[in-house]
Amino acid sequence: MSYQVVTNLEQALAALKNAAEKSRIIAGGTDLFLEKLPENLLDVSSLAEALVIEERGSNLLIGAAVTHARAAASPLLCKKARALTEACAQVGSPQVRNIGTLGGNVINAAPAADAAVALAALGAKAELLDCSGNTRIVELEELYAGFNCSAIDSCQELLLRFMVHSGGPGSGSAFTRLAARKALALPMANAAAWLRVENNCLWEVRLVVAPVKPAPTRLFKTEALLAGKPLTAESWREAAQAAMEEVEVRGSLLRCSADYRRHLVGVLVGRVLETAAGRALTGKGEA
């Protein structure tokens, strides 16, 4: 077994190309080390392009090798992508957050991965590079091929960074979850929302919940119901009811029954919408 640390993209792509599918990309490795390790590991955690957190034009660029701890502490993300900082602050434990990365959270393809749910609500797109240097940009949801199954071959393709629209005045986001304990527990349910407010009414909404399907799941019917609704407690109650009716959930002997999870989805949807709307009105944690 070999472990190679690369410091630039040219090295990384050359190593992938020369390895003939025998090298696998690693950054934090908090999930990968629980599996049977491949013959060669290619550490990309030092790539400058995968470590960025910056605003460029109307987009936020967030490197796939950014750790959860760094994302949670970022002043820029706290202001422009509050749902993501809240999600990252609740991943695993302090040790996991200091090593685990946003890219790994997505590539691992767990249905209820907290950072992935927040990224989906923020409308994130992923930038990928293959070993020939070709770039493609895809919607976050396209990175999932099934339960705990990624559509990305980490022996052939590098997830470089995420792109999120930086929002603007009148926008806000929020994330919340419920688990059996406060740390090192998968959520029974989690939810994230991004919205834009005009004249004290909802004009745009992205609402994502999990675990419902293999990927973080947008509630399109509930979003449509909210269009033009006033920012009132009644609107949040209607949204909670609509969300419970829209989702198709599974029960789990380890976490909770399907009925309880459906109820949780409704409760969490109401909470994130109210919180995000409050932030949109005050300008605290815009997007």
Protein backbone atom coordinates (compact mmCIF):
# COMPACT_ATOMS: atom_id res chain seq x y z
CA MET A 1 0.00 0.00 0.00
CA SER A 2 1.22 3.53 -0.78
CA TYR A 3 0.16 6.96 0.42
CA GLN A 4 1.01 9.94 -1.80
CA VAL A 5 0.46 13.59 -0.91
CA VAL A 6 0.09 15.91 -3.91
CA THR A 7 0.54 19.67 -3.68
CA ASN A 8 -0.79 20.85 -7.05
CA LEU A 9 -3.38 19.84 -9.63
CA GLU A 10 -0.80 18.72 -12.20
CA GLN A 11 0.63 16.20 -9.74
CA ALA A 12 -2.82 14.98 -8.75
CA LEU A 13 -4.07 14.44 -12.29
CA ALA A 14 -0.81 12.82 -13.41
CA ALA A 15 -0.90 10.44 -10.46
CA LEU A 16 -4.49 9.43 -11.25
CA LYS A 17 -3.71 8.91 -14.91
CA ASN A 18 -0.59 6.85 -14.25
CA ALA A 19 -2.18 4.67 -11.59
CA ALA A 20 -4.59 2.94 -14.00
CA GLU A 21 -7.50 3.08 -11.53
CA LYS A 22 -5.39 1.75 -8.63
CA SER A 23 -5.27 5.05 -6.71
CA ARG A 24 -8.16 6.50 -4.79
CA ILE A 25 -8.48 10.13 -3.78
CA ILE A 26 -8.52 10.90 -0.07
CA ALA A 27 -8.76 14.13 1.91
CA GLY A 28 -9.96 13.70 5.51
CA GLY A 29 -10.57 9.96 5.28
CA THR A 30 -12.95 9.77 8.26
CA ASP A 31 -15.31 7.52 6.27
CA LEU A 32 -12.81 5.88 3.94
CA PHE A 33 -10.75 4.42 6.79
CA LEU A 34 -13.83 2.48 7.88
CA GLU A 35 -13.75 0.58 4.57
CA LYS A 36 -11.27 -1.80 2.98
CA LEU A 37 -8.52 0.50 1.77
CA PRO A 38 -7.41 0.47 -1.87
CA GLU A 39 -3.85 -0.26 -3.04
CA ASN A 40 -2.87 3.41 -3.30
CA LEU A 41 -4.20 6.54 -1.59
CA LEU A 42 -3.79 9.98 -3.16
CA ASP A 43 -4.05 12.76 -0.58
CA VAL A 44 -5.43 16.00 -2.09
CA SER A 45 -5.99 17.85 1.18
CA SER A 46 -3.17 20.32 0.37
CA LEU A 47 -4.45 21.43 -3.04
CA ALA A 48 -4.90 25.21 -2.97
CA GLU A 49 -7.79 25.02 -5.45
CA ALA A 50 -9.65 22.64 -3.12
CA LEU A 51 -9.13 24.81 -0.03
CA VAL A 52 -10.69 28.09 -1.18
CA ILE A 53 -13.49 29.91 0.60
CA GLU A 54 -14.11 33.07 -1.37
CA GLU A 55 -16.71 35.19 -3.10
CA ARG A 56 -16.19 35.60 -6.82
CA GLY A 57 -18.77 37.70 -8.62
CA SER A 58 -22.21 36.43 -7.66
CA ASN A 59 -20.91 33.05 -6.44
CA LEU A 60 -19.27 31.59 -3.38
CA LEU A 61 -16.48 29.14 -4.16
CA ILE A 62 -16.00 26.51 -1.47
CA GLY A 63 -13.21 23.96 -1.86
CA ALA A 64 -14.04 20.28 -1.51
CA ALA A 65 -11.07 19.82 0.87
CA VAL A 66 -12.37 22.49 3.28
CA THR A 67 -12.96 20.86 6.66
CA HIS A 68 -16.25 21.09 8.50
CA ALA A 69 -14.58 23.01 11.32
CA ARG A 70 -13.14 25.59 8.93
CA ALA A 71 -16.45 26.01 7.11
CA ALA A 72 -18.35 26.39 10.39
CA ALA A 73 -15.95 29.13 11.53
CA SER A 74 -15.82 31.06 8.23
CA PRO A 75 -17.11 34.66 8.60
CA LEU A 76 -17.95 34.75 4.88
CA LEU A 77 -20.00 31.55 5.00
CA CYS A 78 -21.67 32.61 8.24
CA LYS A 79 -22.89 35.73 6.47
CA LYS A 80 -23.61 34.32 3.02
CA ALA A 81 -24.33 30.61 3.57
CA ARG A 82 -25.57 30.30 7.13
CA ALA A 83 -27.27 26.94 6.58
CA LEU A 84 -23.90 25.41 5.68
CA THR A 85 -22.10 26.74 8.75
CA GLU A 86 -24.90 25.42 10.97
CA ALA A 87 -24.77 22.00 9.32
CA CYS A 88 -20.97 21.74 9.49
CA ALA A 89 -21.00 22.67 13.18
CA GLN A 90 -23.11 19.57 13.92
CA VAL A 91 -21.20 16.95 11.93
CA GLY A 92 -19.70 14.14 14.01
CA SER A 93 -17.46 15.37 16.84
CA PRO A 94 -14.75 18.06 17.12
CA GLN A 95 -12.15 15.53 15.99
CA VAL A 96 -14.21 14.55 12.93
CA ARG A 97 -14.99 18.18 12.06
CA ASN A 98 -11.29 19.07 12.20
CA ILE A 99 -10.40 16.38 9.64
CA GLY A 100 -13.52 15.52 7.64
CA THR A 101 -14.17 17.56 4.48
CA LEU A 102 -17.16 18.89 2.59
CA GLY A 103 -16.19 16.88 -0.48
CA GLY A 104 -15.95 13.70 1.54
CA ASN A 105 -19.35 14.36 3.10
CA VAL A 106 -20.86 14.41 -0.39
CA ILE A 107 -18.79 11.64 -2.03
CA ASN A 108 -19.55 9.26 0.85
CA ALA A 109 -23.18 9.62 -0.31
CA ALA A 110 -24.88 9.07 3.02
CA PRO A 111 -28.55 10.08 2.55
CA ALA A 112 -28.66 12.34 5.61
CA ALA A 113 -25.17 13.89 5.49
CA ASP A 114 -25.65 17.27 7.14
CA ALA A 115 -23.32 19.40 4.99
CA ALA A 116 -24.72 17.86 1.79
CA VAL A 117 -28.29 18.71 2.82
CA ALA A 118 -27.30 22.34 3.43
CA LEU A 119 -25.38 22.56 0.15
CA ALA A 120 -28.40 21.22 -1.74
CA ALA A 121 -30.66 23.84 -0.16
CA LEU A 122 -28.19 26.52 -1.20
CA GLY A 123 -28.36 25.29 -4.80
CA ALA A 124 -24.76 24.11 -4.91
CA LYS A 125 -23.09 22.90 -8.08
CA ALA A 126 -19.96 20.73 -8.07
CA GLU A 127 -16.89 21.22 -10.24
CA LEU A 128 -15.11 17.97 -11.18
CA LEU A 129 -11.86 17.22 -13.00
CA ASP A 130 -11.02 13.94 -14.69
CA CYS A 131 -7.49 12.60 -15.03
CA SER A 132 -7.16 14.21 -18.48
CA GLY A 133 -7.88 17.65 -17.04
CA ASN A 134 -11.43 17.91 -18.44
CA THR A 135 -13.83 19.90 -16.28
CA ARG A 136 -17.54 19.36 -15.78
CA ILE A 137 -20.03 21.12 -13.54
CA VAL A 138 -23.05 19.23 -12.21
CA GLU A 139 -25.88 19.78 -9.76
CA LEU A 140 -25.13 18.40 -6.31
CA GLU A 141 -27.96 15.87 -6.54
CA GLU A 142 -26.36 14.32 -9.65
CA LEU A 143 -23.46 13.08 -7.51
CA TYR A 144 -25.68 10.38 -5.95
CA ALA A 145 -26.21 6.97 -7.59
CA GLY A 146 -28.07 5.25 -4.74
CA PHE A 147 -28.09 4.80 -0.98
CA ASN A 148 -24.48 5.27 0.17
CA CYS A 149 -23.39 5.03 -3.47
CA SER A 150 -21.64 7.92 -5.22
CA ALA A 151 -21.89 8.62 -8.94
CA ILE A 152 -18.25 9.78 -8.80
CA ASP A 153 -15.42 7.32 -9.36
CA SER A 154 -12.76 8.57 -6.95
CA CYS A 155 -10.13 6.62 -8.87
CA GLN A 156 -10.80 8.63 -12.03
CA GLU A 157 -12.25 11.98 -11.07
CA LEU A 158 -11.50 14.73 -8.56
CA LEU A 159 -14.21 16.78 -6.86
CA LEU A 160 -12.52 20.17 -6.75
CA ARG A 161 -15.01 22.63 -5.29
CA PHE A 162 -18.62 23.72 -4.88
CA MET A 163 -20.24 26.83 -6.29
CA VAL A 164 -23.10 28.47 -4.43
CA HIS A 165 -24.95 31.64 -5.43
CA SER A 166 -24.13 34.29 -2.86
CA GLY A 167 -27.76 35.38 -2.53
CA GLY A 168 -28.24 39.02 -1.72
CA PRO A 169 -30.58 41.37 0.14
CA GLY A 170 -33.79 39.69 1.21
CA SER A 171 -32.38 36.16 1.28
CA GLY A 172 -31.75 33.88 4.23
CA SER A 173 -31.03 30.24 5.02
CA ALA A 174 -31.10 27.84 7.95
CA PHE A 175 -30.38 24.21 8.87
CA THR A 176 -31.59 22.00 11.69
CA ARG A 177 -31.53 18.32 12.66
CA LEU A 178 -32.69 15.96 15.38
CA ALA A 179 -30.61 13.00 16.56
CA ALA A 180 -30.62 10.71 19.58
CA ARG A 181 -27.67 12.61 21.06
CA LYS A 182 -25.80 15.84 20.35
CA ALA A 183 -22.65 14.33 18.84
CA LEU A 184 -21.55 11.28 16.85
CA ALA A 185 -25.08 10.31 15.89
CA LEU A 186 -26.78 10.17 12.51
CA PRO A 187 -29.89 12.35 12.41
CA MET A 188 -33.36 10.90 12.59
CA ALA A 189 -34.21 13.75 10.24
CA ASN A 190 -32.64 17.01 9.09
CA ALA A 191 -33.80 19.95 7.00
CA ALA A 192 -32.37 23.04 5.34
CA ALA A 193 -34.00 26.00 3.62
CA TRP A 194 -32.98 28.94 1.49
CA LEU A 195 -35.48 31.64 0.65
CA ARG A 196 -35.88 35.14 -0.71
CA VAL A 197 -38.36 37.65 0.67
CA GLU A 198 -40.01 40.64 -1.01
CA ASN A 199 -42.70 42.85 0.54
CA ASN A 200 -42.92 40.52 3.53
CA CYS A 201 -43.81 37.55 1.29
CA LEU A 202 -41.92 34.51 0.07
CA TRP A 203 -40.79 34.77 -3.56
CA GLU A 204 -38.25 31.98 -3.87
CA VAL A 205 -37.83 28.89 -1.70
CA ARG A 206 -35.51 25.88 -1.78
CA LEU A 207 -36.39 23.31 0.84
CA VAL A 208 -34.38 20.11 1.38
CA VAL A 209 -34.91 17.24 3.82
CA ALA A 210 -33.27 13.88 4.60
CA PRO A 211 -33.12 10.94 4.92
CA VAL A 212 -35.93 10.44 2.43
CA LYS A 213 -34.29 9.28 -0.82
CA PRO A 214 -30.69 8.33 -1.67
CA ALA A 215 -29.81 12.01 -2.15
CA PRO A 216 -30.79 15.13 -0.19
CA THR A 217 -34.39 15.62 -1.28
CA ARG A 218 -36.01 18.85 -2.44
CA LEU A 219 -39.68 19.28 -1.59
CA PHE A 220 -40.87 20.84 -4.83
CA LYS A 221 -44.61 20.65 -4.02
CA THR A 222 -44.13 22.34 -0.67
CA GLU A 223 -41.93 25.00 -2.29
CA ALA A 224 -44.65 25.73 -4.84
CA LEU A 225 -47.27 26.01 -2.10
CA LEU A 226 -45.18 28.66 -0.33
CA ALA A 227 -44.77 30.96 -3.34
CA GLY A 228 -46.27 34.34 -2.50
CA LYS A 229 -47.20 33.33 1.06
CA PRO A 230 -46.84 35.92 3.85
CA LEU A 231 -44.27 35.41 6.58
CA THR A 232 -46.70 34.17 9.20
CA ALA A 233 -47.00 31.28 11.63
CA GLU A 234 -49.90 29.98 9.54
CA SER A 235 -47.62 29.75 6.47
CA TRP A 236 -45.10 27.69 8.45
CA ARG A 237 -47.87 25.38 9.69
CA GLU A 238 -49.13 24.88 6.15
CA ALA A 239 -45.62 24.15 4.96
CA ALA A 240 -45.06 21.62 7.75
CA GLN A 241 -48.26 19.78 6.84
CA ALA A 242 -47.44 19.84 3.13
CA ALA A 243 -43.94 18.49 3.79
CA MET A 244 -45.29 15.58 5.84
CA GLU A 245 -47.66 14.71 3.00
CA GLU A 246 -44.99 15.03 0.31
CA VAL A 247 -42.25 12.84 1.77
CA GLU A 248 -42.02 9.07 1.51
CA VAL A 249 -39.97 8.02 4.50
CA ARG A 250 -38.55 4.75 5.81
CA GLY A 251 -38.51 3.57 9.39
CA SER A 252 -35.39 2.33 11.15
CA LEU A 253 -35.05 0.02 14.14
CA LEU A 254 -31.90 1.93 15.11
CA ARG A 255 -33.30 5.46 14.86
CA CYS A 256 -37.06 5.92 14.57
CA SER A 257 -40.28 4.70 12.97
CA ALA A 258 -41.52 5.99 9.63
CA ASP A 259 -44.43 7.79 11.30
CA TYR A 260 -42.15 9.56 13.75
CA ARG A 261 -39.72 10.55 10.99
CA ARG A 262 -42.59 11.96 8.91
CA HIS A 263 -43.71 14.01 11.91
CA LEU A 264 -40.13 15.22 12.44
CA VAL A 265 -39.86 16.35 8.83
CA GLY A 266 -42.88 18.60 9.35
CA VAL A 267 -41.55 20.05 12.59
CA LEU A 268 -38.08 20.71 11.18
CA VAL A 269 -39.44 22.26 7.97
CA GLY A 270 -41.47 24.76 9.97
CA ARG A 271 -38.43 25.65 12.07
CA VAL A 272 -35.96 26.21 9.22
CA LEU A 273 -38.44 28.28 7.22
CA GLU A 274 -39.18 30.56 10.16
CA THR A 275 -35.49 30.97 11.01
CA ALA A 276 -34.45 31.59 7.40
CA ALA A 277 -37.24 34.14 6.95
CA GLY A 278 -36.15 35.97 10.08
CA ARG A 279 -32.60 36.17 8.77
CA ALA A 280 -33.82 37.41 5.39
CA LEU A 281 -35.69 40.25 7.08
CA THR A 282 -32.83 41.28 9.37
CA GLY A 283 -29.97 40.65 6.95
CA LYS A 284 -28.18 38.47 9.52
CA GLY A 285 -26.82 35.46 7.71
CA GLU A 286 -28.12 36.52 4.32
CA ALA A 287 -27.95 33.40 2.24
